[in-house]
Amino acid sequence: MGALRTLIVPLLILIAAGVLGGAVLVRFVVREIRRVNRELDEAREAKLDDRDGIRTLRRDPDSDTFRPS
Protein backbone atom coordinates (compact mmCIF):
# COMPACT_ATOMS: atom_id res chain seq x y z
CA MET A 1 0.00 0.00 0.00
CA GLY A 2 2.89 2.37 0.76
CA ALA A 3 4.38 1.93 -2.71
CA LEU A 4 1.04 2.66 -4.34
CA ARG A 5 0.62 5.85 -2.30
CA THR A 6 4.08 7.11 -3.30
CA LEU A 7 3.15 6.55 -6.94
CA ILE A 8 -0.31 8.18 -6.81
CA VAL A 9 0.65 11.45 -5.10
CA PRO A 10 3.26 12.53 -7.71
CA LEU A 11 0.87 11.44 -10.46
CA LEU A 12 -1.91 13.63 -9.04
CA ILE A 13 0.52 16.54 -8.77
CA LEU A 14 1.47 16.12 -12.44
CA ILE A 15 -2.17 15.97 -13.48
CA ALA A 16 -2.99 19.09 -11.46
CA ALA A 17 -0.02 20.93 -12.98
CA GLY A 18 -1.14 19.89 -16.47
CA VAL A 19 -4.68 21.13 -15.88
CA LEU A 20 -3.39 24.42 -14.49
CA GLY A 21 -1.01 24.86 -17.43
CA GLY A 22 -3.83 24.12 -19.86
CA ALA A 23 -6.05 26.74 -18.23
CA VAL A 24 -3.28 29.33 -18.45
CA LEU A 25 -2.70 28.47 -22.11
CA VAL A 26 -6.42 28.77 -22.95
CA ARG A 27 -6.61 32.14 -21.21
CA PHE A 28 -3.59 33.40 -23.17
CA VAL A 29 -5.03 32.23 -26.49
CA VAL A 30 -8.41 33.84 -25.79
CA ARG A 31 -6.73 37.17 -24.97
CA GLU A 32 -4.69 37.03 -28.18
CA ILE A 33 -7.76 36.24 -30.27
CA ARG A 34 -9.62 39.19 -28.77
CA ARG A 35 -6.63 41.50 -29.33
CA VAL A 36 -6.26 40.47 -32.98
CA ASN A 37 -10.00 40.82 -33.61
CA ARG A 38 -9.95 44.30 -32.06
CA GLU A 39 -7.10 45.31 -34.38
CA LEU A 40 -8.93 43.91 -37.40
CA ASP A 41 -12.12 45.76 -36.47
CA GLU A 42 -10.17 49.02 -36.15
CA ALA A 43 -8.56 48.43 -39.55
CA ARG A 44 -11.96 47.76 -41.13
CA GLU A 45 -13.38 50.94 -39.63
CA ALA A 46 -10.42 52.97 -40.93
CA LYS A 47 -10.85 51.46 -44.38
CA LEU A 48 -14.55 52.34 -44.44
CA ASP A 49 -13.77 55.91 -43.39
CA ASP A 50 -11.37 56.25 -46.33
CA ARG A 51 -14.19 55.51 -48.77
CA ASP A 52 -16.02 58.75 -48.00
CA GLY A 53 -13.77 60.79 -50.31
CA ILE A 54 -14.05 58.46 -53.31
CA ARG A 55 -16.22 59.68 -56.16
CA THR A 56 -18.70 57.27 -57.72
CA LEU A 57 -19.25 56.57 -61.38
CA ARG A 58 -22.61 56.98 -63.06
CA ARG A 59 -23.64 55.88 -66.53
CA ASP A 60 -24.12 58.68 -69.04
CA PRO A 61 -27.25 57.76 -71.02
CA ASP A 62 -26.16 59.76 -74.07
CA SER A 63 -22.79 58.08 -74.61
CA ASP A 64 -23.26 54.84 -72.62
CA THR A 65 -20.00 55.49 -70.79
CA PHE A 66 -19.40 55.84 -67.09
CA ARG A 67 -18.42 59.26 -65.81
CA PRO A 68 -17.61 60.54 -62.31
CA SER A 69 -20.59 62.04 -60.58
C-alpha atoms as a PDB file:
ATOM      1  CA  MET A   1       0.000   0.000   0.000  1.00  0.00           C
ATOM      2  CA  GLY A   2       2.886   2.371   0.757  1.00  0.00           C
ATOM      3  CA  ALA A   3       4.380   1.935  -2.715  1.00  0.00           C
ATOM      4  CA  LEU A   4       1.044   2.660  -4.338  1.00  0.00           C
ATOM      5  CA  ARG A   5       0.615   5.852  -2.296  1.00  0.00           C
ATOM      6  CA  THR A   6       4.084   7.106  -3.295  1.00  0.00           C
ATOM      7  CA  LEU A   7       3.152   6.554  -6.936  1.00  0.00           C
ATOM      8  CA  ILE A   8      -0.312   8.176  -6.808  1.00  0.00           C
ATOM      9  CA  VAL A   9       0.650  11.450  -5.105  1.00  0.00           C
ATOM     10  CA  PRO A  10       3.260  12.527  -7.708  1.00  0.00           C
ATOM     11  CA  LEU A  11       0.869  11.441 -10.460  1.00  0.00           C
ATOM     12  CA  LEU A  12      -1.910  13.632  -9.043  1.00  0.00           C
ATOM     13  CA  ILE A  13       0.521  16.544  -8.766  1.00  0.00           C
ATOM     14  CA  LEU A  14       1.473  16.121 -12.435  1.00  0.00           C
ATOM     15  CA  ILE A  15      -2.166  15.969 -13.478  1.00  0.00           C
ATOM     16  CA  ALA A  16      -2.994  19.088 -11.461  1.00  0.00           C
ATOM     17  CA  ALA A  17      -0.019  20.927 -12.985  1.00  0.00           C
ATOM     18  CA  GLY A  18      -1.138  19.895 -16.469  1.00  0.00           C
ATOM     19  CA  VAL A  19      -4.684  21.125 -15.881  1.00  0.00           C
ATOM     20  CA  LEU A  20      -3.393  24.421 -14.488  1.00  0.00           C
ATOM     21  CA  GLY A  21      -1.011  24.863 -17.426  1.00  0.00           C
ATOM     22  CA  GLY A  22      -3.826  24.116 -19.861  1.00  0.00           C
ATOM     23  CA  ALA A  23      -6.050  26.737 -18.229  1.00  0.00           C
ATOM     24  CA  VAL A  24      -3.278  29.330 -18.453  1.00  0.00           C
ATOM     25  CA  LEU A  25      -2.702  28.472 -22.109  1.00  0.00           C
ATOM     26  CA  VAL A  26      -6.417  28.771 -22.951  1.00  0.00           C
ATOM     27  CA  ARG A  27      -6.607  32.138 -21.214  1.00  0.00           C
ATOM     28  CA  PHE A  28      -3.590  33.404 -23.170  1.00  0.00           C
ATOM     29  CA  VAL A  29      -5.028  32.229 -26.494  1.00  0.00           C
ATOM     30  CA  VAL A  30      -8.414  33.844 -25.786  1.00  0.00           C
ATOM     31  CA  ARG A  31      -6.731  37.170 -24.966  1.00  0.00           C
ATOM     32  CA  GLU A  32      -4.688  37.027 -28.178  1.00  0.00           C
ATOM     33  CA  ILE A  33      -7.758  36.243 -30.275  1.00  0.00           C
ATOM     34  CA  ARG A  34      -9.617  39.190 -28.773  1.00  0.00           C
ATOM     35  CA  ARG A  35      -6.629  41.499 -29.333  1.00  0.00           C
ATOM     36  CA  VAL A  36      -6.263  40.467 -32.980  1.00  0.00           C
ATOM     37  CA  ASN A  37     -10.003  40.819 -33.610  1.00  0.00           C
ATOM     38  CA  ARG A  38      -9.946  44.300 -32.056  1.00  0.00           C
ATOM     39  CA  GLU A  39      -7.102  45.314 -34.379  1.00  0.00           C
ATOM     40  CA  LEU A  40      -8.929  43.905 -37.399  1.00  0.00           C
ATOM     41  CA  ASP A  41     -12.119  45.764 -36.472  1.00  0.00           C
ATOM     42  CA  GLU A  42     -10.169  49.017 -36.149  1.00  0.00           C
ATOM     43  CA  ALA A  43      -8.556  48.429 -39.551  1.00  0.00           C
ATOM     44  CA  ARG A  44     -11.959  47.757 -41.133  1.00  0.00           C
ATOM     45  CA  GLU A  45     -13.383  50.944 -39.632  1.00  0.00           C
ATOM     46  CA  ALA A  46     -10.425  52.968 -40.931  1.00  0.00           C
ATOM     47  CA  LYS A  47     -10.851  51.455 -44.384  1.00  0.00           C
ATOM     48  CA  LEU A  48     -14.551  52.344 -44.442  1.00  0.00           C
ATOM     49  CA  ASP A  49     -13.769  55.909 -43.385  1.00  0.00           C
ATOM     50  CA  ASP A  50     -11.370  56.253 -46.330  1.00  0.00           C
ATOM     51  CA  ARG A  51     -14.190  55.505 -48.773  1.00  0.00           C
ATOM     52  CA  ASP A  52     -16.015  58.753 -48.001  1.00  0.00           C
ATOM     53  CA  GLY A  53     -13.771  60.791 -50.315  1.00  0.00           C
ATOM     54  CA  ILE A  54     -14.048  58.464 -53.309  1.00  0.00           C
ATOM     55  CA  ARG A  55     -16.224  59.680 -56.163  1.00  0.00           C
ATOM     56  CA  THR A  56     -18.705  57.268 -57.716  1.00  0.00           C
ATOM     57  CA  LEU A  57     -19.250  56.570 -61.384  1.00  0.00           C
ATOM     58  CA  ARG A  58     -22.614  56.977 -63.059  1.00  0.00           C
ATOM     59  CA  ARG A  59     -23.635  55.883 -66.534  1.00  0.00           C
ATOM     60  CA  ASP A  60     -24.124  58.681 -69.039  1.00  0.00           C
ATOM     61  CA  PRO A  61     -27.251  57.764 -71.023  1.00  0.00           C
ATOM     62  CA  ASP A  62     -26.159  59.765 -74.066  1.00  0.00           C
ATOM     63  CA  SER A  63     -22.791  58.081 -74.610  1.00  0.00           C
ATOM     64  CA  ASP A  64     -23.264  54.839 -72.623  1.00  0.00           C
ATOM     65  CA  THR A  65     -20.002  55.486 -70.788  1.00  0.00           C
ATOM     66  CA  PHE A  66     -19.404  55.841 -67.089  1.00  0.00           C
ATOM     67  CA  ARG A  67     -18.417  59.256 -65.808  1.00  0.00           C
ATOM     68  CA  PRO A  68     -17.612  60.545 -62.311  1.00  0.00           C
ATOM     69  CA  SER A  69     -20.585  62.044 -60.577  1.00  0.00           C
END
